[in-house]
Amino acid sequence: MPDDGLELTVPNGNAANRVTTLRYHIDEISQREICGWVMDPAQPSRACIVELREGSQVHARTEAKQFRADLANAGIGNGRHAFTLKVPGSLSEDTDHLVQIVEVESNSMLSVERVR
């Protein structure tokens, strides 16, 4: 069963007078990948775009459209809201990197994490 997730409500600069409420959860963060799910309840069939950013640099981008039965069984949209962001080797060096996980359409920051 998935975590119920978090809700984030933000003004959406891409649509006039629209506020976006996202449901999401970051499930795992490792040196190789970041996994989780994100859904816009106002558009539950839309696959959100998720980016891994460090400042203004985008290191990875993917669609949150992987099917997970646990999401579908929990009533989280159609269950096709999971994502895996591959952490590039350049972020696996011996230096800490402060990265942001962002839903692109709303420019909503889902998490800020340190990776090495």
PDB file of N, CA and C in Angstrom:
ATOM      1  N   MET A   1       0.848  -1.172   0.000  1.00  0.00           N
ATOM      2  CA  MET A   1       0.000   0.000   0.000  1.00  0.00           C
ATOM      3  C   MET A   1       0.892   1.233   0.000  1.00  0.00           C
ATOM      4  N   PRO A   2       0.617   2.191  -0.867  1.00  0.00           N
ATOM      5  CA  PRO A   2       1.471   3.373  -0.915  1.00  0.00           C
ATOM      6  C   PRO A   2       1.192   4.295   0.258  1.00  0.00           C
ATOM      7  N   ASP A   3       2.169   5.107   0.556  1.00  0.00           N
ATOM      8  CA  ASP A   3       1.940   6.183   1.509  1.00  0.00           C
ATOM      9  C   ASP A   3       0.841   7.054   0.926  1.00  0.00           C
ATOM     10  N   ASP A   4      -0.016   7.605   1.769  1.00  0.00           N
ATOM     11  CA  ASP A   4      -1.108   8.459   1.284  1.00  0.00           C
ATOM     12  C   ASP A   4      -0.592   9.677   0.548  1.00  0.00           C
ATOM     13  N   GLY A   5       0.665   9.976   0.726  1.00  0.00           N
ATOM     14  CA  GLY A   5       1.267  11.081   0.005  1.00  0.00           C
ATOM     15  C   GLY A   5       1.026  12.410   0.697  1.00  0.00           C
ATOM     16  N   LEU A   6       1.561  13.416   0.096  1.00  0.00           N
ATOM     17  CA  LEU A   6       1.433  14.777   0.569  1.00  0.00           C
ATOM     18  C   LEU A   6       0.610  15.551  -0.435  1.00  0.00           C
ATOM     19  N   GLU A   7       0.041  16.651   0.004  1.00  0.00           N
ATOM     20  CA  GLU A   7      -0.646  17.545  -0.916  1.00  0.00           C
ATOM     21  C   GLU A   7       0.084  18.860  -0.927  1.00  0.00           C
ATOM     22  N   LEU A   8       0.224  19.435  -2.091  1.00  0.00           N
ATOM     23  CA  LEU A   8       0.881  20.712  -2.274  1.00  0.00           C
ATOM     24  C   LEU A   8      -0.018  21.559  -3.148  1.00  0.00           C
ATOM     25  N   THR A   9      -0.423  22.726  -2.659  1.00  0.00           N
ATOM     26  CA  THR A   9      -1.269  23.628  -3.429  1.00  0.00           C
ATOM     27  C   THR A   9      -0.459  24.864  -3.772  1.00  0.00           C
ATOM     28  N   VAL A  10      -0.365  25.156  -5.073  1.00  0.00           N
ATOM     29  CA  VAL A  10       0.433  26.293  -5.532  1.00  0.00           C
ATOM     30  C   VAL A  10      -0.312  27.031  -6.628  1.00  0.00           C
ATOM     31  N   PRO A  11      -0.087  28.362  -6.735  1.00  0.00           N
ATOM     32  CA  PRO A  11      -0.632  29.071  -7.892  1.00  0.00           C
ATOM     33  C   PRO A  11       0.062  28.556  -9.146  1.00  0.00           C
ATOM     34  N   ASN A  12      -0.686  28.341 -10.184  1.00  0.00           N
ATOM     35  CA  ASN A  12      -0.110  27.848 -11.431  1.00  0.00           C
ATOM     36  C   ASN A  12       0.066  29.023 -12.376  1.00  0.00           C
ATOM     37  N   GLY A  13       1.310  29.416 -12.591  1.00  0.00           N
ATOM     38  CA  GLY A  13       1.606  30.538 -13.471  1.00  0.00           C
ATOM     39  C   GLY A  13       1.324  30.249 -14.930  1.00  0.00           C
ATOM     40  N   ASN A  14       1.086  28.972 -15.274  1.00  0.00           N
ATOM     41  CA  ASN A  14       0.846  28.593 -16.667  1.00  0.00           C
ATOM     42  C   ASN A  14      -0.623  28.705 -17.068  1.00  0.00           C
ATOM     43  N   ALA A  15      -1.514  28.918 -16.100  1.00  0.00           N
ATOM     44  CA  ALA A  15      -2.941  29.000 -16.426  1.00  0.00           C
ATOM     45  C   ALA A  15      -3.560  30.126 -15.599  1.00  0.00           C
ATOM     46  N   ALA A  16      -4.357  30.955 -16.237  1.00  0.00           N
ATOM     47  CA  ALA A  16      -4.951  32.114 -15.571  1.00  0.00           C
ATOM     48  C   ALA A  16      -5.814  31.681 -14.397  1.00  0.00           C
ATOM     49  N   ASN A  17      -5.537  32.268 -13.229  1.00  0.00           N
ATOM     50  CA  ASN A  17      -6.334  32.056 -12.021  1.00  0.00           C
ATOM     51  C   ASN A  17      -6.481  30.582 -11.632  1.00  0.00           C
ATOM     52  N   ARG A  18      -5.536  29.758 -11.981  1.00  0.00           N
ATOM     53  CA  ARG A  18      -5.625  28.340 -11.638  1.00  0.00           C
ATOM     54  C   ARG A  18      -4.666  28.035 -10.502  1.00  0.00           C
ATOM     55  N   VAL A  19      -5.149  27.277  -9.566  1.00  0.00           N
ATOM     56  CA  VAL A  19      -4.319  26.792  -8.476  1.00  0.00           C
ATOM     57  C   VAL A  19      -4.177  25.294  -8.684  1.00  0.00           C
ATOM     58  N   THR A  20      -2.969  24.788  -8.538  1.00  0.00           N
ATOM     59  CA  THR A  20      -2.713  23.365  -8.718  1.00  0.00           C
ATOM     60  C   THR A  20      -2.503  22.720  -7.361  1.00  0.00           C
ATOM     61  N   THR A  21      -3.231  21.655  -7.114  1.00  0.00           N
ATOM     62  CA  THR A  21      -3.013  20.837  -5.925  1.00  0.00           C
ATOM     63  C   THR A  21      -2.480  19.505  -6.401  1.00  0.00           C
ATOM     64  N   LEU A  22      -1.299  19.157  -5.967  1.00  0.00           N
ATOM     65  CA  LEU A  22      -0.683  17.893  -6.351  1.00  0.00           C
ATOM     66  C   LEU A  22      -0.687  16.941  -5.166  1.00  0.00           C
ATOM     67  N   ARG A  23      -0.878  15.671  -5.447  1.00  0.00           N
ATOM     68  CA  ARG A  23      -0.641  14.610  -4.464  1.00  0.00           C
ATOM     69  C   ARG A  23       0.625  13.915  -4.905  1.00  0.00           C
ATOM     70  N   TYR A  24       1.513  13.645  -3.952  1.00  0.00           N
ATOM     71  CA  TYR A  24       2.787  13.037  -4.334  1.00  0.00           C
ATOM     72  C   TYR A  24       3.453  12.378  -3.138  1.00  0.00           C
ATOM     73  N   HIS A  25       4.422  11.549  -3.445  1.00  0.00           N
ATOM     74  CA  HIS A  25       5.269  10.961  -2.412  1.00  0.00           C
ATOM     75  C   HIS A  25       6.600  10.581  -3.053  1.00  0.00           C
ATOM     76  N   ILE A  26       7.680  10.879  -2.371  1.00  0.00           N
ATOM     77  CA  ILE A  26       9.012  10.426  -2.798  1.00  0.00           C
ATOM     78  C   ILE A  26       9.277   9.147  -2.012  1.00  0.00           C
ATOM     79  N   ASP A  27       9.377   8.022  -2.725  1.00  0.00           N
ATOM     80  CA  ASP A  27       9.493   6.716  -2.079  1.00  0.00           C
ATOM     81  C   ASP A  27      10.922   6.349  -1.721  1.00  0.00           C
ATOM     82  N   GLU A  28      11.855   6.669  -2.603  1.00  0.00           N
ATOM     83  CA  GLU A  28      13.241   6.222  -2.393  1.00  0.00           C
ATOM     84  C   GLU A  28      14.209   7.182  -3.062  1.00  0.00           C
ATOM     85  N   ILE A  29      15.309   7.419  -2.371  1.00  0.00           N
ATOM     86  CA  ILE A  29      16.386   8.236  -2.929  1.00  0.00           C
ATOM     87  C   ILE A  29      17.673   7.456  -2.726  1.00  0.00           C
ATOM     88  N   SER A  30      18.367   7.198  -3.826  1.00  0.00           N
ATOM     89  CA  SER A  30      19.653   6.510  -3.741  1.00  0.00           C
ATOM     90  C   SER A  30      20.644   7.244  -4.636  1.00  0.00           C
ATOM     91  N   GLN A  31      21.861   6.747  -4.676  1.00  0.00           N
ATOM     92  CA  GLN A  31      22.868   7.360  -5.538  1.00  0.00           C
ATOM     93  C   GLN A  31      22.544   7.158  -7.013  1.00  0.00           C
ATOM     94  N   ARG A  32      21.719   6.186  -7.326  1.00  0.00           N
ATOM     95  CA  ARG A  32      21.422   5.861  -8.730  1.00  0.00           C
ATOM     96  C   ARG A  32      20.086   6.376  -9.227  1.00  0.00           C
ATOM     97  N   GLU A  33      19.085   6.458  -8.312  1.00  0.00           N
ATOM     98  CA  GLU A  33      17.761   6.862  -8.773  1.00  0.00           C
ATOM     99  C   GLU A  33      16.917   7.438  -7.642  1.00  0.00           C
ATOM    100  N   ILE A  34      15.897   8.164  -8.063  1.00  0.00           N
ATOM    101  CA  ILE A  34      14.894   8.719  -7.160  1.00  0.00           C
ATOM    102  C   ILE A  34      13.544   8.234  -7.661  1.00  0.00           C
ATOM    103  N   CYS A  35      12.784   7.588  -6.790  1.00  0.00           N
ATOM    104  CA  CYS A  35      11.505   6.999  -7.175  1.00  0.00           C
ATOM    105  C   CYS A  35      10.378   7.610  -6.347  1.00  0.00           C
ATOM    106  N   GLY A  36       9.225   7.717  -6.968  1.00  0.00           N
ATOM    107  CA  GLY A  36       8.059   8.224  -6.252  1.00  0.00           C
ATOM    108  C   GLY A  36       6.860   8.250  -7.163  1.00  0.00           C
ATOM    109  N   TRP A  37       5.876   9.046  -6.779  1.00  0.00           N
ATOM    110  CA  TRP A  37       4.682   9.220  -7.616  1.00  0.00           C
ATOM    111  C   TRP A  37       4.148  10.619  -7.411  1.00  0.00           C
ATOM    112  N   VAL A  38       3.443  11.107  -8.436  1.00  0.00           N
ATOM    113  CA  VAL A  38       2.819  12.427  -8.370  1.00  0.00           C
ATOM    114  C   VAL A  38       1.574  12.422  -9.240  1.00  0.00           C
ATOM    115  N   MET A  39       0.505  13.070  -8.726  1.00  0.00           N
ATOM    116  CA  MET A  39      -0.758  13.129  -9.456  1.00  0.00           C
ATOM    117  C   MET A  39      -1.414  14.484  -9.225  1.00  0.00           C
ATOM    118  N   ASP A  40      -2.014  15.012 -10.272  1.00  0.00           N
ATOM    119  CA  ASP A  40      -2.828  16.224 -10.185  1.00  0.00           C
ATOM    120  C   ASP A  40      -4.282  15.764 -10.091  1.00  0.00           C
ATOM    121  N   PRO A  41      -4.919  15.850  -8.915  1.00  0.00           N
ATOM    122  CA  PRO A  41      -6.292  15.360  -8.771  1.00  0.00           C
ATOM    123  C   PRO A  41      -7.289  16.049  -9.704  1.00  0.00           C
ATOM    124  N   ALA A  42      -6.992  17.269 -10.150  1.00  0.00           N
ATOM    125  CA  ALA A  42      -7.887  17.959 -11.079  1.00  0.00           C
ATOM    126  C   ALA A  42      -7.795  17.368 -12.481  1.00  0.00           C
ATOM    127  N   GLN A  43      -6.698  16.683 -12.778  1.00  0.00           N
ATOM    128  CA  GLN A  43      -6.481  16.042 -14.073  1.00  0.00           C
ATOM    129  C   GLN A  43      -5.881  14.659 -13.831  1.00  0.00           C
ATOM    130  N   PRO A  44      -6.638  13.732 -13.262  1.00  0.00           N
ATOM    131  CA  PRO A  44      -6.061  12.461 -12.821  1.00  0.00           C
ATOM    132  C   PRO A  44      -5.536  11.557 -13.926  1.00  0.00           C
ATOM    133  N   SER A  45      -5.906  11.802 -15.167  1.00  0.00           N
ATOM    134  CA  SER A  45      -5.362  10.967 -16.252  1.00  0.00           C
ATOM    135  C   SER A  45      -4.112  11.575 -16.878  1.00  0.00           C
ATOM    136  N   ARG A  46      -3.743  12.793 -16.460  1.00  0.00           N
ATOM    137  CA  ARG A  46      -2.551  13.459 -17.003  1.00  0.00           C
ATOM    138  C   ARG A  46      -1.300  12.909 -16.339  1.00  0.00           C
ATOM    139  N   ALA A  47      -0.301  12.632 -17.151  1.00  0.00           N
ATOM    140  CA  ALA A  47       1.007  12.223 -16.634  1.00  0.00           C
ATOM    141  C   ALA A  47       1.822  13.481 -16.355  1.00  0.00           C
ATOM    142  N   CYS A  48       2.141  13.707 -15.105  1.00  0.00           N
ATOM    143  CA  CYS A  48       2.953  14.870 -14.735  1.00  0.00           C
ATOM    144  C   CYS A  48       4.393  14.671 -15.216  1.00  0.00           C
ATOM    145  N   ILE A  49       5.052  15.757 -15.535  1.00  0.00           N
ATOM    146  CA  ILE A  49       6.465  15.736 -15.893  1.00  0.00           C
ATOM    147  C   ILE A  49       7.257  16.108 -14.643  1.00  0.00           C
ATOM    148  N   VAL A  50       8.282  15.325 -14.342  1.00  0.00           N
ATOM    149  CA  VAL A  50       9.093  15.539 -13.147  1.00  0.00           C
ATOM    150  C   VAL A  50      10.544  15.740 -13.578  1.00  0.00           C
ATOM    151  N   GLU A  51      11.194  16.727 -12.961  1.00  0.00           N
ATOM    152  CA  GLU A  51      12.600  17.000 -13.254  1.00  0.00           C
ATOM    153  C   GLU A  51      13.439  16.909 -11.992  1.00  0.00           C
ATOM    154  N   LEU A  52      14.690  16.543 -12.192  1.00  0.00           N
ATOM    155  CA  LEU A  52      15.713  16.585 -11.161  1.00  0.00           C
ATOM    156  C   LEU A  52      16.605  17.768 -11.495  1.00  0.00           C
ATOM    157  N   ARG A  53      16.598  18.777 -10.627  1.00  0.00           N
ATOM    158  CA  ARG A  53      17.335  20.014 -10.885  1.00  0.00           C
ATOM    159  C   ARG A  53      18.362  20.269  -9.786  1.00  0.00           C
ATOM    160  N   GLU A  54      19.410  20.937 -10.201  1.00  0.00           N
ATOM    161  CA  GLU A  54      20.376  21.482  -9.259  1.00  0.00           C
ATOM    162  C   GLU A  54      20.522  22.941  -9.647  1.00  0.00           C
ATOM    163  N   GLY A  55      19.894  23.815  -8.875  1.00  0.00           N
ATOM    164  CA  GLY A  55      19.824  25.218  -9.275  1.00  0.00           C
ATOM    165  C   GLY A  55      19.009  25.315 -10.548  1.00  0.00           C
ATOM    166  N   SER A  56      19.568  25.954 -11.578  1.00  0.00           N
ATOM    167  CA  SER A  56      18.851  26.091 -12.851  1.00  0.00           C
ATOM    168  C   SER A  56      19.172  24.964 -13.833  1.00  0.00           C
ATOM    169  N   GLN A  57      20.073  24.060 -13.458  1.00  0.00           N
ATOM    170  CA  GLN A  57      20.462  22.967 -14.355  1.00  0.00           C
ATOM    171  C   GLN A  57      19.544  21.761 -14.172  1.00  0.00           C
ATOM    172  N   VAL A  58      18.993  21.266 -15.282  1.00  0.00           N
ATOM    173  CA  VAL A  58      18.153  20.073 -15.267  1.00  0.00           C
ATOM    174  C   VAL A  58      19.047  18.861 -15.543  1.00  0.00           C
ATOM    175  N   HIS A  59      19.077  17.932 -14.589  1.00  0.00           N
ATOM    176  CA  HIS A  59      19.906  16.727 -14.721  1.00  0.00           C
ATOM    177  C   HIS A  59      19.130  15.532 -15.266  1.00  0.00           C
ATOM    178  N   ALA A  60      17.827  15.499 -15.008  1.00  0.00           N
ATOM    179  CA  ALA A  60      17.011  14.376 -15.486  1.00  0.00           C
ATOM    180  C   ALA A  60      15.564  14.845 -15.577  1.00  0.00           C
ATOM    181  N   ARG A  61      14.817  14.202 -16.483  1.00  0.00           N
ATOM    182  CA  ARG A  61      13.414  14.563 -16.707  1.00  0.00           C
ATOM    183  C   ARG A  61      12.682  13.296 -17.122  1.00  0.00           C
ATOM    184  N   THR A  62      11.475  13.119 -16.594  1.00  0.00           N
ATOM    185  CA  THR A  62      10.690  11.944 -16.950  1.00  0.00           C
ATOM    186  C   THR A  62       9.210  12.231 -16.764  1.00  0.00           C
ATOM    187  N   GLU A  63       8.387  11.386 -17.372  1.00  0.00           N
ATOM    188  CA  GLU A  63       6.940  11.448 -17.164  1.00  0.00           C
ATOM    189  C   GLU A  63       6.576  10.499 -16.028  1.00  0.00           C
ATOM    190  N   ALA A  64       5.709  10.949 -15.154  1.00  0.00           N
ATOM    191  CA  ALA A  64       5.201  10.092 -14.085  1.00  0.00           C
ATOM    192  C   ALA A  64       4.025   9.308 -14.657  1.00  0.00           C
ATOM    193  N   LYS A  65       4.334   8.218 -15.350  1.00  0.00           N
ATOM    194  CA  LYS A  65       3.279   7.439 -16.004  1.00  0.00           C
ATOM    195  C   LYS A  65       3.443   5.936 -15.824  1.00  0.00           C
ATOM    196  N   GLN A  66       4.360   5.527 -14.947  1.00  0.00           N
ATOM    197  CA  GLN A  66       4.537   4.104 -14.687  1.00  0.00           C
ATOM    198  C   GLN A  66       3.360   3.594 -13.867  1.00  0.00           C
ATOM    199  N   PHE A  67       2.850   2.436 -14.253  1.00  0.00           N
ATOM    200  CA  PHE A  67       1.722   1.852 -13.521  1.00  0.00           C
ATOM    201  C   PHE A  67       2.217   1.169 -12.257  1.00  0.00           C
ATOM    202  N   ARG A  68       1.483   1.392 -11.173  1.00  0.00           N
ATOM    203  CA  ARG A  68       1.716   0.667  -9.929  1.00  0.00           C
ATOM    204  C   ARG A  68       0.361   0.226  -9.392  1.00  0.00           C
ATOM    205  N   ALA A  69       0.221  -1.073  -9.181  1.00  0.00           N
ATOM    206  CA  ALA A  69      -1.045  -1.623  -8.691  1.00  0.00           C
ATOM    207  C   ALA A  69      -1.409  -1.038  -7.330  1.00  0.00           C
ATOM    208  N   ASP A  70      -0.409  -0.786  -6.481  1.00  0.00           N
ATOM    209  CA  ASP A  70      -0.726  -0.242  -5.157  1.00  0.00           C
ATOM    210  C   ASP A  70      -1.357   1.142  -5.258  1.00  0.00           C
ATOM    211  N   LEU A  71      -0.947   1.946  -6.249  1.00  0.00           N
ATOM    212  CA  LEU A  71      -1.564   3.258  -6.442  1.00  0.00           C
ATOM    213  C   LEU A  71      -3.004   3.107  -6.917  1.00  0.00           C
ATOM    214  N   ALA A  72      -3.218   2.231  -7.903  1.00  0.00           N
ATOM    215  CA  ALA A  72      -4.569   1.999  -8.420  1.00  0.00           C
ATOM    216  C   ALA A  72      -5.487   1.474  -7.317  1.00  0.00           C
ATOM    217  N   ASN A  73      -4.996   0.530  -6.523  1.00  0.00           N
ATOM    218  CA  ASN A  73      -5.802  -0.049  -5.440  1.00  0.00           C
ATOM    219  C   ASN A  73      -6.125   0.966  -4.358  1.00  0.00           C
ATOM    220  N   ALA A  74      -5.266   1.969  -4.193  1.00  0.00           N
ATOM    221  CA  ALA A  74      -5.495   3.016  -3.191  1.00  0.00           C
ATOM    222  C   ALA A  74      -6.341   4.159  -3.740  1.00  0.00           C
ATOM    223  N   GLY A  75      -6.763   4.045  -5.015  1.00  0.00           N
ATOM    224  CA  GLY A  75      -7.604   5.079  -5.611  1.00  0.00           C
ATOM    225  C   GLY A  75      -6.832   6.320  -6.025  1.00  0.00           C
ATOM    226  N   ILE A  76      -5.545   6.163  -6.251  1.00  0.00           N
ATOM    227  CA  ILE A  76      -4.724   7.292  -6.694  1.00  0.00           C
ATOM    228  C   ILE A  76      -4.751   7.299  -8.216  1.00  0.00           C
ATOM    229  N   GLY A  77      -5.737   8.028  -8.731  1.00  0.00           N
ATOM    230  CA  GLY A  77      -5.936   8.122 -10.176  1.00  0.00           C
ATOM    231  C   GLY A  77      -6.096   6.752 -10.802  1.00  0.00           C
ATOM    232  N   ASN A  78      -5.505   6.599 -11.984  1.00  0.00           N
ATOM    233  CA  ASN A  78      -5.565   5.333 -12.706  1.00  0.00           C
ATOM    234  C   ASN A  78      -4.380   4.420 -12.385  1.00  0.00           C
ATOM    235  N   GLY A  79      -3.589   4.805 -11.388  1.00  0.00           N
ATOM    236  CA  GLY A  79      -2.425   4.008 -11.000  1.00  0.00           C
ATOM    237  C   GLY A  79      -1.183   4.302 -11.815  1.00  0.00           C
ATOM    238  N   ARG A  80      -1.317   5.136 -12.865  1.00  0.00           N
ATOM    239  CA  ARG A  80      -0.185   5.450 -13.750  1.00  0.00           C
ATOM    240  C   ARG A  80       0.405   6.811 -13.374  1.00  0.00           C
ATOM    241  N   HIS A  81       1.022   6.867 -12.190  1.00  0.00           N
ATOM    242  CA  HIS A  81       1.558   8.131 -11.700  1.00  0.00           C
ATOM    243  C   HIS A  81       2.953   7.984 -11.094  1.00  0.00           C
ATOM    244  N   ALA A  82       3.556   6.817 -11.228  1.00  0.00           N
ATOM    245  CA  ALA A  82       4.877   6.581 -10.643  1.00  0.00           C
ATOM    246  C   ALA A  82       5.974   7.059 -11.590  1.00  0.00           C
ATOM    247  N   PHE A  83       7.112   7.388 -10.998  1.00  0.00           N
ATOM    248  CA  PHE A  83       8.259   7.821 -11.799  1.00  0.00           C
ATOM    249  C   PHE A  83       9.557   7.327 -11.184  1.00  0.00           C
ATOM    250  N   THR A  84      10.567   7.245 -12.027  1.00  0.00           N
ATOM    251  CA  THR A  84      11.940   6.967 -11.607  1.00  0.00           C
ATOM    252  C   THR A  84      12.827   7.954 -12.329  1.00  0.00           C
ATOM    253  N   LEU A  85      13.541   8.756 -11.568  1.00  0.00           N
ATOM    254  CA  LEU A  85      14.523   9.684 -12.131  1.00  0.00           C
ATOM    255  C   LEU A  85      15.899   9.060 -11.951  1.00  0.00           C
ATOM    256  N   LYS A  86      16.636   8.900 -13.025  1.00  0.00           N
ATOM    257  CA  LYS A  86      17.996   8.380 -12.946  1.00  0.00           C
ATOM    258  C   LYS A  86      18.923   9.506 -12.504  1.00  0.00           C
ATOM    259  N   VAL A  87      19.714   9.259 -11.479  1.00  0.00           N
ATOM    260  CA  VAL A  87      20.681  10.242 -10.998  1.00  0.00           C
ATOM    261  C   VAL A  87      21.941  10.089 -11.853  1.00  0.00           C
ATOM    262  N   PRO A  88      22.320  11.140 -12.575  1.00  0.00           N
ATOM    263  CA  PRO A  88      23.495  11.027 -13.444  1.00  0.00           C
ATOM    264  C   PRO A  88      24.784  10.863 -12.641  1.00  0.00           C
ATOM    265  N   GLY A  89      25.772  10.242 -13.263  1.00  0.00           N
ATOM    266  CA  GLY A  89      27.054  10.005 -12.624  1.00  0.00           C
ATOM    267  C   GLY A  89      27.717  11.271 -12.111  1.00  0.00           C
ATOM    268  N   SER A  90      27.459  12.390 -12.774  1.00  0.00           N
ATOM    269  CA  SER A  90      28.077  13.649 -12.350  1.00  0.00           C
ATOM    270  C   SER A  90      27.617  14.070 -10.955  1.00  0.00           C
ATOM    271  N   LEU A  91      26.482  13.540 -10.507  1.00  0.00           N
ATOM    272  CA  LEU A  91      25.999  13.851  -9.161  1.00  0.00           C
ATOM    273  C   LEU A  91      26.448  12.806  -8.149  1.00  0.00           C
ATOM    274  N   SER A  92      27.168  11.792  -8.600  1.00  0.00           N
ATOM    275  CA  SER A  92      27.608  10.723  -7.712  1.00  0.00           C
ATOM    276  C   SER A  92      29.073  10.892  -7.316  1.00  0.00           C
ATOM    277  N   GLU A  93      29.628  12.049  -7.597  1.00  0.00           N
ATOM    278  CA  GLU A  93      31.017  12.297  -7.228  1.00  0.00           C
ATOM    279  C   GLU A  93      31.121  12.443  -5.718  1.00  0.00           C
ATOM    280  N   ASP A  94      32.306  12.701  -5.228  1.00  0.00           N
ATOM    281  CA  ASP A  94      32.541  12.789  -3.787  1.00  0.00           C
ATOM    282  C   ASP A  94      32.087  14.105  -3.170  1.00  0.00           C
ATOM    283  N   THR A  95      31.193  14.806  -3.822  1.00  0.00           N
ATOM    284  CA  THR A  95      30.701  16.082  -3.343  1.00  0.00           C
ATOM    285  C   THR A  95      29.197  15.982  -3.127  1.00  0.00           C
ATOM    286  N   ASP A  96      28.721  16.589  -2.050  1.00  0.00           N
ATOM    287  CA  ASP A  96      27.272  16.657  -1.849  1.00  0.00           C
ATOM    288  C   ASP A  96      26.661  17.609  -2.857  1.00  0.00           C
ATOM    289  N   HIS A  97      25.498  17.241  -3.368  1.00  0.00           N
ATOM    290  CA  HIS A  97      24.748  18.085  -4.293  1.00  0.00           C
ATOM    291  C   HIS A  97      23.356  18.285  -3.715  1.00  0.00           C
ATOM    292  N   LEU A  98      22.900  19.524  -3.671  1.00  0.00           N
ATOM    293  CA  LEU A  98      21.549  19.836  -3.218  1.00  0.00           C
ATOM    294  C   LEU A  98      20.666  19.907  -4.459  1.00  0.00           C
ATOM    295  N   VAL A  99      19.762  18.936  -4.611  1.00  0.00           N
ATOM    296  CA  VAL A  99      18.932  18.858  -5.808  1.00  0.00           C
ATOM    297  C   VAL A  99      17.466  19.044  -5.442  1.00  0.00           C
ATOM    298  N   GLN A 100      16.705  19.482  -6.438  1.00  0.00           N
ATOM    299  CA  GLN A 100      15.270  19.677  -6.279  1.00  0.00           C
ATOM    300  C   GLN A 100      14.545  18.707  -7.201  1.00  0.00           C
ATOM    301  N   ILE A 101      13.448  18.166  -6.704  1.00  0.00           N
ATOM    302  CA  ILE A 101      12.557  17.335  -7.512  1.00  0.00           C
ATOM    303  C   ILE A 101      11.332  18.202  -7.775  1.00  0.00           C
ATOM    304  N   VAL A 102      11.066  18.484  -9.061  1.00  0.00           N
ATOM    305  CA  VAL A 102      10.082  19.502  -9.433  1.00  0.00           C
ATOM    306  C   VAL A 102       9.064  18.938 -10.411  1.00  0.00           C
ATOM    307  N   GLU A 103       7.780  19.243 -10.180  1.00  0.00           N
ATOM    308  CA  GLU A 103       6.730  18.955 -11.162  1.00  0.00           C
ATOM    309  C   GLU A 103       6.727  20.152 -12.104  1.00  0.00           C
ATOM    310  N   VAL A 104       6.924  19.904 -13.380  1.00  0.00           N
ATOM    311  CA  VAL A 104       7.248  20.957 -14.339  1.00  0.00           C
ATOM    312  C   VAL A 104       6.087  21.906 -14.629  1.00  0.00           C
ATOM    313  N   GLU A 105       4.900  21.398 -14.927  1.00  0.00           N
ATOM    314  CA  GLU A 105       3.807  22.278 -15.363  1.00  0.00           C
ATOM    315  C   GLU A 105       3.492  23.352 -14.325  1.00  0.00           C
ATOM    316  N   SER A 106       3.463  22.968 -13.057  1.00  0.00           N
ATOM    317  CA  SER A 106       3.152  23.928 -11.997  1.00  0.00           C
ATOM    318  C   SER A 106       4.415  24.556 -11.402  1.00  0.00           C
ATOM    319  N   ASN A 107       5.579  24.027 -11.781  1.00  0.00           N
ATOM    320  CA  ASN A 107       6.870  24.446 -11.227  1.00  0.00           C
ATOM    321  C   ASN A 107       6.886  24.242  -9.706  1.00  0.00           C
ATOM    322  N   SER A 108       6.204  23.187  -9.251  1.00  0.00           N
ATOM    323  CA  SER A 108       6.102  22.881  -7.828  1.00  0.00           C
ATOM    324  C   SER A 108       7.278  22.038  -7.370  1.00  0.00           C
ATOM    325  N   MET A 109       7.944  22.484  -6.313  1.00  0.00           N
ATOM    326  CA  MET A 109       9.047  21.730  -5.748  1.00  0.00           C
ATOM    327  C   MET A 109       8.470  20.650  -4.843  1.00  0.00           C
ATOM    328  N   LEU A 110       8.694  19.397  -5.205  1.00  0.00           N
ATOM    329  CA  LEU A 110       8.183  18.277  -4.433  1.00  0.00           C
ATOM    330  C   LEU A 110       9.107  17.910  -3.284  1.00  0.00           C
ATOM    331  N   SER A 111      10.416  18.132  -3.493  1.00  0.00           N
ATOM    332  CA  SER A 111      11.388  17.795  -2.459  1.00  0.00           C
ATOM    333  C   SER A 111      12.722  18.444  -2.769  1.00  0.00           C
ATOM    334  N   VAL A 112      13.483  18.685  -1.725  1.00  0.00           N
ATOM    335  CA  VAL A 112      14.870  19.126  -1.845  1.00  0.00           C
ATOM    336  C   VAL A 112      15.696  18.075  -1.118  1.00  0.00           C
ATOM    337  N   GLU A 113      16.677  17.525  -1.816  1.00  0.00           N
ATOM    338  CA  GLU A 113      17.449  16.410  -1.254  1.00  0.00           C
ATOM    339  C   GLU A 113      18.937  16.592  -1.477  1.00  0.00           C
ATOM    340  N   ARG A 114      19.725  16.008  -0.601  1.00  0.00           N
ATOM    341  CA  ARG A 114      21.171  15.960  -0.791  1.00  0.00           C
ATOM    342  C   ARG A 114      21.491  14.604  -1.405  1.00  0.00           C
ATOM    343  N   VAL A 115      22.252  14.605  -2.469  1.00  0.00           N
ATOM    344  CA  VAL A 115      22.732  13.363  -3.068  1.00  0.00           C
ATOM    345  C   VAL A 115      24.238  13.441  -3.194  1.00  0.00           C
ATOM    346  N   ARG A 116      24.867  12.282  -3.179  1.00  0.00           N
ATOM    347  CA  ARG A 116      26.322  12.197  -3.315  1.00  0.00           C
ATOM    348  C   ARG A 116      26.637  10.995  -4.161  1.00  0.00           C
TER     349      ARG A 116
END
